[in-house]
């Protein structure tokens, strides 16, 4: 369970970073399946025109290690605690940044996509991002504007990053908005070792640059949504916006 101080920090900043939240052994079991996953020819595996692997979505469908991890008690209990009720998994994906790659993401709020494209009624969802590789200043870390979630939904422009057509459309925020938010709240870019977790609100503005290093950068995203806030008008494939709204239980609870 998170401490009261950690919960308050998440509520204030819309961002909570927990170094080494998962062990090297837990992450190693997931990474051992990555070569098989990226070699697959499936609609859930997004690649750029140049063959760069960009994302692997709905991992629980085709990877037993990731399916088990989706029911990790620490993952589920943390989401329940911060969202205040039973949760289901809205999205479950890895964003891959290959060495010396090109993939980047402009400033955006995830809830803009969840609301407009999936029909999510309210911003009662969050992302638990798990570092499958060490994240450094060189391999495309995610930058956040802490506290920006308190502004609510900000008008945005729909944009699809190169290589992610039909899988990821971003509610991009324009430069004047970002300048205003940064001047008020600043920017942070959490780095950390394998197993670090960055939890962020669906309205927290964030972005990332390409990986300029010779090392991979894989981050797993578990998007938890309140069962009572299930999407009602999905327009994207079910491997992008999941349709199973049953409350998630951990492996321990299921036993």
Protein backbone atom coordinates (compact mmCIF):
# COMPACT_ATOMS: atom_id res chain seq x y z
CA UNK A 1 0.00 0.00 0.00
CA UNK A 2 1.09 3.56 -0.67
CA UNK A 3 1.68 5.85 2.27
CA UNK A 4 -0.61 8.81 2.89
CA UNK A 5 2.28 11.09 1.90
CA UNK A 6 2.63 9.27 -1.44
CA UNK A 7 -1.10 9.49 -2.10
CA UNK A 8 -1.07 13.21 -1.35
CA UNK A 9 1.89 13.74 -3.66
CA UNK A 10 0.07 11.93 -6.49
CA UNK A 11 -3.05 14.02 -5.93
CA UNK A 12 -1.02 17.26 -5.90
CA UNK A 13 1.31 16.54 -8.82
CA UNK A 14 -0.64 14.03 -10.88
CA UNK A 15 2.64 12.08 -10.84
CA UNK A 16 4.27 9.68 -8.40
CA UNK A 17 7.65 8.02 -9.00
CA UNK A 18 8.56 4.87 -7.06
CA UNK A 19 12.16 3.70 -7.70
CA UNK A 20 12.69 -0.07 -7.95
CA UNK A 21 9.01 -0.78 -7.17
CA UNK A 22 9.38 -4.13 -8.93
CA UNK A 23 12.36 -6.45 -8.56
CA UNK A 24 14.93 -7.27 -11.22
CA UNK A 25 13.61 -10.84 -11.22
CA UNK A 26 10.04 -9.72 -11.93
CA UNK A 27 11.16 -7.51 -14.80
CA UNK A 28 13.55 -10.14 -16.11
CA UNK A 29 10.70 -12.60 -16.52
CA UNK A 30 8.92 -10.07 -18.74
CA UNK A 31 11.94 -9.03 -20.79
CA UNK A 32 12.76 -12.66 -21.55
CA UNK A 33 9.65 -12.74 -23.75
CA UNK A 34 10.41 -9.52 -25.63
CA UNK A 35 12.41 -11.03 -28.54
CA UNK A 36 9.51 -13.35 -29.31
CA UNK A 37 6.96 -10.53 -29.05
CA UNK A 38 8.72 -8.05 -31.34
CA UNK A 39 9.22 -10.77 -33.97
CA UNK A 40 5.47 -11.38 -34.22
CA UNK A 41 3.32 -10.33 -37.16
CA UNK A 42 0.15 -9.26 -35.38
CA UNK A 43 -2.04 -6.16 -35.53
CA UNK A 44 -1.16 -5.46 -31.91
CA UNK A 45 2.52 -5.00 -32.79
CA UNK A 46 3.07 -1.54 -34.29
CA UNK A 47 6.10 -0.95 -36.50
CA UNK A 48 7.24 2.08 -38.45
CA UNK A 49 7.75 2.04 -42.21
CA UNK A 50 11.45 1.57 -41.54
CA UNK A 51 10.75 -1.54 -39.46
CA UNK A 52 11.33 0.09 -36.07
CA UNK A 53 9.18 -1.54 -33.36
CA UNK A 54 7.07 1.19 -31.80
CA UNK A 55 4.59 -0.57 -29.54
CA UNK A 56 3.12 -3.88 -28.46
CA UNK A 57 -0.50 -3.62 -27.36
CA UNK A 58 -2.87 -5.95 -25.48
CA UNK A 59 0.07 -8.01 -24.25
CA UNK A 60 -2.13 -10.27 -22.14
CA UNK A 61 -3.51 -11.83 -25.34
CA UNK A 62 -0.28 -13.43 -26.53
CA UNK A 63 2.31 -13.29 -23.74
CA UNK A 64 1.83 -15.53 -20.67
CA UNK A 65 4.42 -13.61 -18.59
CA UNK A 66 2.71 -10.28 -19.29
CA UNK A 67 -0.74 -11.82 -18.72
CA UNK A 68 0.39 -12.95 -15.27
CA UNK A 69 1.97 -9.58 -14.53
CA UNK A 70 -1.31 -7.79 -15.35
CA UNK A 71 -2.70 -9.55 -12.27
CA UNK A 72 0.22 -8.58 -10.05
CA UNK A 73 -1.17 -7.63 -6.65
CA UNK A 74 1.04 -4.55 -6.26
CA UNK A 75 -0.13 -3.24 -9.64
CA UNK A 76 -3.83 -3.76 -8.94
CA UNK A 77 -3.79 -2.63 -5.30
CA UNK A 78 -1.95 0.59 -6.17
CA UNK A 79 -4.48 1.45 -8.88
CA UNK A 80 -7.41 0.67 -6.58
CA UNK A 81 -5.98 2.82 -3.82
CA UNK A 82 -5.45 5.87 -6.04
CA UNK A 83 -8.72 5.52 -7.96
CA UNK A 84 -10.82 4.66 -4.92
CA UNK A 85 -12.60 1.56 -6.21
CA UNK A 86 -12.54 -1.54 -8.37
CA UNK A 87 -10.59 -1.21 -11.60
CA UNK A 88 -10.24 -2.85 -14.97
CA UNK A 89 -7.46 -2.54 -17.54
CA UNK A 90 -8.27 0.00 -20.26
CA UNK A 91 -4.92 -0.37 -22.07
CA UNK A 92 -1.94 -2.66 -21.58
CA UNK A 93 1.03 -1.93 -23.79
CA UNK A 94 4.75 -1.49 -24.17
CA UNK A 95 6.09 1.59 -25.91
CA UNK A 96 9.41 0.61 -27.48
CA UNK A 97 12.15 3.06 -28.31
CA UNK A 98 14.80 1.33 -30.37
CA UNK A 99 18.45 2.43 -30.12
CA UNK A 100 19.06 5.57 -32.18
CA UNK A 101 15.38 5.48 -33.12
CA UNK A 102 12.95 8.13 -34.30
CA UNK A 103 9.84 7.61 -32.18
CA UNK A 104 8.76 10.62 -30.17
CA UNK A 105 5.53 11.93 -28.64
CA UNK A 106 4.39 15.57 -28.58
CA UNK A 107 2.92 17.17 -25.48
CA UNK A 108 -0.50 15.66 -24.80
CA UNK A 109 -3.04 14.53 -22.20
CA UNK A 110 -4.06 10.87 -22.44
CA UNK A 111 -7.59 11.56 -21.26
CA UNK A 112 -8.21 13.61 -24.40
CA UNK A 113 -7.93 10.39 -26.41
CA UNK A 114 -9.82 8.30 -23.89
CA UNK A 115 -12.71 10.75 -23.88
CA UNK A 116 -12.90 11.57 -27.59
CA UNK A 117 -12.02 8.18 -29.09
CA UNK A 118 -13.20 5.73 -26.45
CA UNK A 119 -16.09 7.51 -24.76
CA UNK A 120 -14.60 7.48 -21.25
CA UNK A 121 -17.07 9.47 -19.14
CA UNK A 122 -14.70 11.08 -16.63
CA UNK A 123 -10.94 11.40 -15.98
CA UNK A 124 -10.99 8.63 -13.38
CA UNK A 125 -8.16 6.61 -14.95
CA UNK A 126 -4.40 6.57 -14.52
CA UNK A 127 -1.26 5.06 -16.01
CA UNK A 128 1.19 2.92 -14.10
CA UNK A 129 4.32 2.94 -16.23
CA UNK A 130 6.94 0.31 -15.44
CA UNK A 131 10.53 0.74 -16.58
CA UNK A 132 11.55 -2.51 -18.29
CA UNK A 133 14.92 -0.94 -19.10
CA UNK A 134 16.86 1.66 -17.12
CA UNK A 135 15.59 5.08 -18.19
CA UNK A 136 18.27 7.73 -18.60
CA UNK A 137 18.47 11.26 -19.96
CA UNK A 138 19.69 9.80 -23.26
CA UNK A 139 17.16 7.10 -24.21
CA UNK A 140 13.96 9.09 -24.58
CA UNK A 141 12.63 9.59 -21.04
CA UNK A 142 9.10 10.87 -20.57
CA UNK A 143 8.81 14.50 -19.44
CA UNK A 144 5.85 15.58 -17.30
CA UNK A 145 4.34 18.88 -16.19
CA UNK A 146 3.48 18.11 -12.55
CA UNK A 147 0.24 19.67 -11.42
CA UNK A 148 -1.09 20.19 -14.95
CA UNK A 149 -3.88 17.69 -14.28
CA UNK A 150 -5.50 20.29 -12.05
CA UNK A 151 -6.28 22.37 -15.15
CA UNK A 152 -8.71 19.70 -16.35
CA UNK A 153 -9.17 18.80 -19.99
CA UNK A 154 -7.31 21.28 -22.17
CA UNK A 155 -8.39 21.91 -25.81
CA UNK A 156 -6.13 19.94 -28.12
CA UNK A 157 -5.45 18.87 -31.69
CA UNK A 158 -5.61 15.20 -32.69
CA UNK A 159 -2.28 13.95 -34.01
CA UNK A 160 -0.89 10.49 -34.80
CA UNK A 161 2.87 9.94 -34.29
CA UNK A 162 4.69 8.38 -37.23
CA UNK A 163 4.52 4.61 -37.15
CA UNK A 164 1.50 4.40 -34.87
CA UNK A 165 -1.38 4.87 -37.33
CA UNK A 166 -4.63 3.29 -36.13
CA UNK A 167 -3.20 2.54 -32.72
CA UNK A 168 -2.36 5.84 -31.05
CA UNK A 169 -3.87 9.26 -31.66
CA UNK A 170 -2.68 11.95 -29.30
CA UNK A 171 -4.55 14.97 -27.98
CA UNK A 172 -1.64 17.28 -28.75
CA UNK A 173 -1.30 20.52 -26.78
CA UNK A 174 -0.08 23.61 -28.59
CA UNK A 175 3.00 25.67 -27.74
CA UNK A 176 1.27 28.62 -25.98
CA UNK A 177 -0.52 26.19 -23.64
CA UNK A 178 2.70 24.33 -22.85
CA UNK A 179 4.57 27.59 -22.22
CA UNK A 180 1.87 28.67 -19.79
CA UNK A 181 1.81 25.32 -17.98
CA UNK A 182 5.60 25.06 -17.74
CA UNK A 183 5.93 28.61 -16.46
CA UNK A 184 3.48 27.76 -13.70
CA UNK A 185 4.41 24.15 -12.85
CA UNK A 186 7.82 23.39 -14.38
CA UNK A 187 8.97 20.16 -16.09
CA UNK A 188 10.30 16.95 -14.61
CA UNK A 189 11.72 13.90 -16.38
CA UNK A 190 11.97 10.92 -14.03
CA UNK A 191 14.86 8.57 -14.63
CA UNK A 192 15.53 5.35 -12.80
CA UNK A 193 16.67 1.73 -12.84
CA UNK A 194 14.75 -1.25 -14.14
CA UNK A 195 11.61 -1.82 -12.06
CA UNK A 196 11.01 1.87 -11.35
CA UNK A 197 7.37 2.95 -11.62
CA UNK A 198 5.99 6.35 -12.68
CA UNK A 199 2.27 6.68 -11.98
CA UNK A 200 0.50 9.57 -13.68
CA UNK A 201 -3.00 10.97 -13.97
CA UNK A 202 -4.83 10.82 -17.29
CA UNK A 203 -4.83 14.63 -17.41
CA UNK A 204 -1.12 15.13 -16.64
CA UNK A 205 0.57 16.68 -19.68
CA UNK A 206 3.58 14.70 -20.90
CA UNK A 207 5.86 14.17 -23.89
CA UNK A 208 9.03 12.35 -24.90
CA UNK A 209 11.87 12.72 -27.38
CA UNK A 210 13.58 10.05 -29.52
CA UNK A 211 16.08 7.61 -28.06
CA UNK A 212 19.51 8.97 -29.01
CA UNK A 213 21.40 6.25 -27.13
CA UNK A 214 22.65 2.85 -28.34
CA UNK A 215 20.41 1.12 -25.77
CA UNK A 216 16.75 0.11 -25.86
CA UNK A 217 14.07 1.86 -23.83
CA UNK A 218 10.98 -0.22 -23.14
CA UNK A 219 8.26 1.07 -20.82
CA UNK A 220 5.19 -0.98 -19.93
CA UNK A 221 1.94 0.97 -19.49
CA UNK A 222 -0.90 -0.43 -17.41
CA UNK A 223 -3.86 1.93 -17.77
CA UNK A 224 -6.35 1.39 -14.97
CA UNK A 225 -9.89 2.75 -15.13
CA UNK A 226 -12.65 2.61 -12.56
CA UNK A 227 -15.18 -0.10 -13.38
CA UNK A 228 -17.90 2.50 -12.77
CA UNK A 229 -16.24 4.71 -15.42
CA UNK A 230 -16.14 2.13 -18.24
CA UNK A 231 -15.93 3.46 -21.79
CA UNK A 232 -19.20 3.80 -23.68
CA UNK A 233 -18.38 4.82 -27.28
CA UNK A 234 -15.19 3.02 -28.37
CA UNK A 235 -14.04 3.82 -31.90
CA UNK A 236 -10.64 2.13 -31.76
CA UNK A 237 -9.87 -1.60 -32.01
CA UNK A 238 -10.40 -3.58 -28.82
CA UNK A 239 -6.68 -4.23 -28.54
CA UNK A 240 -6.25 -0.46 -28.11
CA UNK A 241 -9.31 0.26 -25.93
CA UNK A 242 -10.25 -2.91 -24.08
CA UNK A 243 -13.90 -4.01 -23.83
CA UNK A 244 -13.58 -6.33 -20.82
CA UNK A 245 -14.87 -4.24 -17.92
CA UNK A 246 -14.78 -6.97 -15.29
CA UNK A 247 -13.00 -5.93 -12.09
CA UNK A 248 -9.41 -7.15 -12.10
CA UNK A 249 -8.35 -9.47 -9.32
CA UNK A 250 -4.80 -10.44 -8.46
CA UNK A 251 -3.48 -13.96 -8.78
CA UNK A 252 -3.56 -14.23 -4.99
CA UNK A 253 -7.20 -13.13 -4.78
CA UNK A 254 -8.21 -15.48 -7.59
CA UNK A 255 -6.66 -18.39 -5.74
